[in-house]
N, C-alpha and C. Protein backbone atom coordinates (compact mmCIF):
# COMPACT_ATOMS: atom_id res chain seq x y z
N UNK A 1 85.03 198.78 130.01
CA UNK A 1 84.66 198.46 128.50
C UNK A 1 84.68 199.40 127.70
N UNK A 2 85.51 199.29 126.79
CA UNK A 2 85.61 200.54 126.00
C UNK A 2 84.82 201.14 124.91
N UNK A 3 84.56 202.81 124.79
CA UNK A 3 83.76 203.15 123.74
C UNK A 3 83.39 201.88 122.13
N UNK A 4 82.14 201.66 121.90
CA UNK A 4 81.63 201.20 120.71
C UNK A 4 82.02 199.55 120.95
N UNK A 5 81.49 199.04 121.99
CA UNK A 5 82.05 198.08 122.77
C UNK A 5 80.47 197.47 123.22
N UNK A 6 80.16 196.12 123.28
CA UNK A 6 78.69 195.53 123.71
C UNK A 6 78.92 194.60 124.80
N UNK A 7 77.39 194.40 125.72
CA UNK A 7 77.96 194.25 126.82
C UNK A 7 76.15 192.94 126.43
N UNK A 8 76.63 191.59 126.61
CA UNK A 8 75.58 190.49 126.10
C UNK A 8 75.00 190.63 127.46
N UNK A 9 73.53 190.40 127.45
CA UNK A 9 73.29 190.39 128.82
C UNK A 9 71.51 189.82 128.40
N UNK A 10 71.00 189.09 129.26
CA UNK A 10 69.85 188.82 129.26
C UNK A 10 68.35 189.53 128.60
N UNK A 11 67.49 188.58 128.04
CA UNK A 11 66.54 189.79 127.31
C UNK A 11 65.89 190.83 128.74
N UNK A 12 64.98 190.18 129.33
CA UNK A 12 65.09 190.44 130.12
C UNK A 12 65.22 191.01 131.44
N UNK A 13 66.86 191.27 131.10
CA UNK A 13 67.75 192.10 132.54
C UNK A 13 67.08 193.51 132.35
N UNK A 14 67.46 193.96 133.61
CA UNK A 14 67.22 195.16 134.32
C UNK A 14 67.83 195.98 133.55
N UNK A 15 69.74 196.07 132.95
CA UNK A 15 69.50 197.00 132.07
C UNK A 15 69.59 197.18 130.36
N UNK A 16 68.86 195.75 130.13
CA UNK A 16 68.44 195.34 128.87
C UNK A 16 66.73 196.05 129.39
N UNK A 17 66.56 196.25 129.51
CA UNK A 17 65.04 196.77 129.46
C UNK A 17 65.19 198.36 130.17
N UNK A 18 65.40 198.52 131.24
CA UNK A 18 65.08 199.56 131.42
C UNK A 18 65.97 200.69 132.00
N UNK A 19 67.14 200.54 131.26
CA UNK A 19 67.83 201.52 131.48
C UNK A 19 68.16 202.66 129.71
N UNK A 20 67.18 201.99 128.77
CA UNK A 20 67.55 203.22 128.27
C UNK A 20 68.67 203.14 126.96
N UNK A 21 69.10 204.06 127.45
CA UNK A 21 69.88 204.78 126.74
C UNK A 21 71.65 205.16 127.60
N UNK A 22 71.14 204.86 128.88
CA UNK A 22 71.89 204.87 129.74
C UNK A 22 73.58 204.37 129.32
N UNK A 23 73.43 203.18 129.19
CA UNK A 23 74.77 202.46 128.67
C UNK A 23 75.49 203.16 127.74
N UNK A 24 74.67 203.79 126.79
CA UNK A 24 75.69 203.97 125.48
C UNK A 24 76.14 205.69 125.87
N UNK A 25 75.65 206.28 126.57
CA UNK A 25 75.61 207.98 127.63
C UNK A 25 76.88 207.37 128.10
N UNK A 26 76.82 207.06 129.48
CA UNK A 26 77.78 206.73 130.63
C UNK A 26 78.48 206.22 129.17
N UNK A 27 78.27 204.81 128.97
CA UNK A 27 80.04 203.81 128.16
C UNK A 27 80.10 204.87 126.84
N UNK A 28 80.29 205.68 126.49
CA UNK A 28 80.89 206.37 125.56
C UNK A 28 80.53 205.98 124.11
N UNK A 29 79.47 204.88 123.71
CA UNK A 29 78.74 204.47 123.16
C UNK A 29 78.46 202.91 122.98
N UNK A 30 78.59 202.71 123.79
CA UNK A 30 78.29 200.90 124.72
C UNK A 30 77.08 200.78 124.34
N UNK A 31 77.15 199.46 123.74
CA UNK A 31 75.63 199.14 123.65
C UNK A 31 75.71 198.20 124.24
N UNK A 32 74.07 197.29 124.18
CA UNK A 32 73.17 195.87 125.90
C UNK A 32 73.22 195.46 124.66
N UNK A 33 73.38 193.85 124.22
CA UNK A 33 72.38 193.23 123.37
C UNK A 33 71.65 192.18 124.34
N UNK A 34 70.81 191.91 124.15
CA UNK A 34 69.44 191.22 125.13
C UNK A 34 69.82 189.67 124.27
N UNK A 35 69.91 189.10 124.71
CA UNK A 35 70.24 187.42 124.52
C UNK A 35 68.88 186.62 125.48
N UNK A 36 68.23 185.71 124.70
CA UNK A 36 67.21 184.65 124.68
C UNK A 36 67.26 183.92 125.83
N UNK A 37 66.29 183.50 126.76
CA UNK A 37 66.89 182.47 127.66
C UNK A 37 65.43 182.10 128.65
N UNK A 38 65.34 180.78 129.18
CA UNK A 38 64.04 180.65 130.31
C UNK A 38 65.10 180.76 131.24
N UNK A 39 63.67 181.59 132.18
CA UNK A 39 64.12 182.17 133.56
C UNK A 39 65.20 182.68 133.50
N UNK A 40 65.32 183.88 133.12
CA UNK A 40 66.52 184.33 133.76
C UNK A 40 67.76 184.10 133.18
N UNK A 41 68.21 182.98 132.26
CA UNK A 41 69.32 182.01 131.97
C UNK A 41 69.04 182.40 130.34
N UNK A 42 70.43 183.21 129.66
CA UNK A 42 70.75 183.15 128.43
C UNK A 42 71.20 181.73 128.05
N UNK A 43 70.50 181.03 126.83
CA UNK A 43 70.35 179.96 126.65
C UNK A 43 71.97 179.58 125.75
N UNK A 44 72.97 178.76 125.54
CA UNK A 44 74.00 178.54 124.82
C UNK A 44 74.11 178.49 124.19
N UNK A 45 73.04 178.05 122.98
CA UNK A 45 72.77 178.43 121.35
C UNK A 45 72.91 180.02 121.26
N UNK A 46 71.94 180.59 121.94
CA UNK A 46 71.86 182.34 121.85
C UNK A 46 73.27 183.11 122.41
N UNK A 47 73.68 182.79 122.92
CA UNK A 47 75.52 183.19 123.41
C UNK A 47 75.89 183.01 122.13
N UNK A 48 76.36 181.77 121.93
CA UNK A 48 76.91 181.30 120.54
C UNK A 48 76.64 182.04 119.03
N UNK A 49 75.54 182.63 119.37
CA UNK A 49 74.87 183.52 117.56
C UNK A 49 74.64 184.87 118.08
N UNK A 50 75.12 185.39 119.55
CA UNK A 50 75.30 186.53 119.90
C UNK A 50 76.79 187.14 120.01
N UNK A 51 78.24 185.72 119.99
CA UNK A 51 79.25 186.73 120.22
C UNK A 51 79.93 186.52 118.79
N UNK A 52 81.10 187.73 118.39
CA UNK A 52 80.84 187.60 116.67
C UNK A 52 82.03 186.82 117.10
N UNK A 53 81.68 186.43 115.63
CA UNK A 53 82.74 185.35 114.62
C UNK A 53 83.89 185.41 115.22
N UNK A 54 85.08 185.24 114.37
CA UNK A 54 86.74 185.59 114.75
C UNK A 54 86.71 186.57 112.64
N UNK A 55 85.68 186.28 111.87
CA UNK A 55 85.84 187.09 110.95
C UNK A 55 84.96 188.46 110.83
N UNK A 56 84.65 188.68 111.78
CA UNK A 56 83.47 189.92 112.01
C UNK A 56 84.92 190.96 112.80
N UNK A 57 84.98 192.11 112.37
CA UNK A 57 86.21 193.22 112.59
C UNK A 57 85.77 193.54 113.65
N UNK A 58 86.10 193.61 115.46
CA UNK A 58 85.73 194.44 116.31
C UNK A 58 87.20 195.25 116.55
N UNK A 59 85.94 196.51 116.59
CA UNK A 59 86.51 198.21 116.54
C UNK A 59 86.76 198.62 117.79
N UNK A 60 88.19 199.16 118.14
CA UNK A 60 88.48 199.41 119.32
C UNK A 60 87.89 200.82 119.32
N UNK A 61 87.81 201.68 118.14
CA UNK A 61 87.32 202.87 117.93
C UNK A 61 86.18 202.76 117.48
N UNK A 62 85.60 204.39 116.86
CA UNK A 62 84.29 204.26 116.42
C UNK A 62 85.27 203.66 114.66
N UNK A 63 84.40 202.93 114.04
CA UNK A 63 84.68 202.69 112.48
C UNK A 63 84.58 203.73 111.50
N UNK A 64 85.73 204.15 111.00
CA UNK A 64 85.99 205.46 109.71
C UNK A 64 84.79 205.55 108.82
N UNK A 65 83.99 206.95 108.72
CA UNK A 65 83.11 207.08 108.06
C UNK A 65 83.82 206.50 106.49
N UNK A 66 82.79 206.67 105.71
CA UNK A 66 83.38 206.23 104.61
C UNK A 66 82.73 207.29 103.54
């Protein structure tokens, strides 16, 4: 992963609830996005809603300060 990118994980996954700021710290700004779903499985609709659309810019480095 590159800094300032995100990982999609189940909302009850260990990395989502127990690691607090570790992914961001060790990943250089990486964020974890928790998605809902029954029995630890991400729902298709939640995955599609969490996936960025092509209209949203994807930054490979921190967004410029304004």
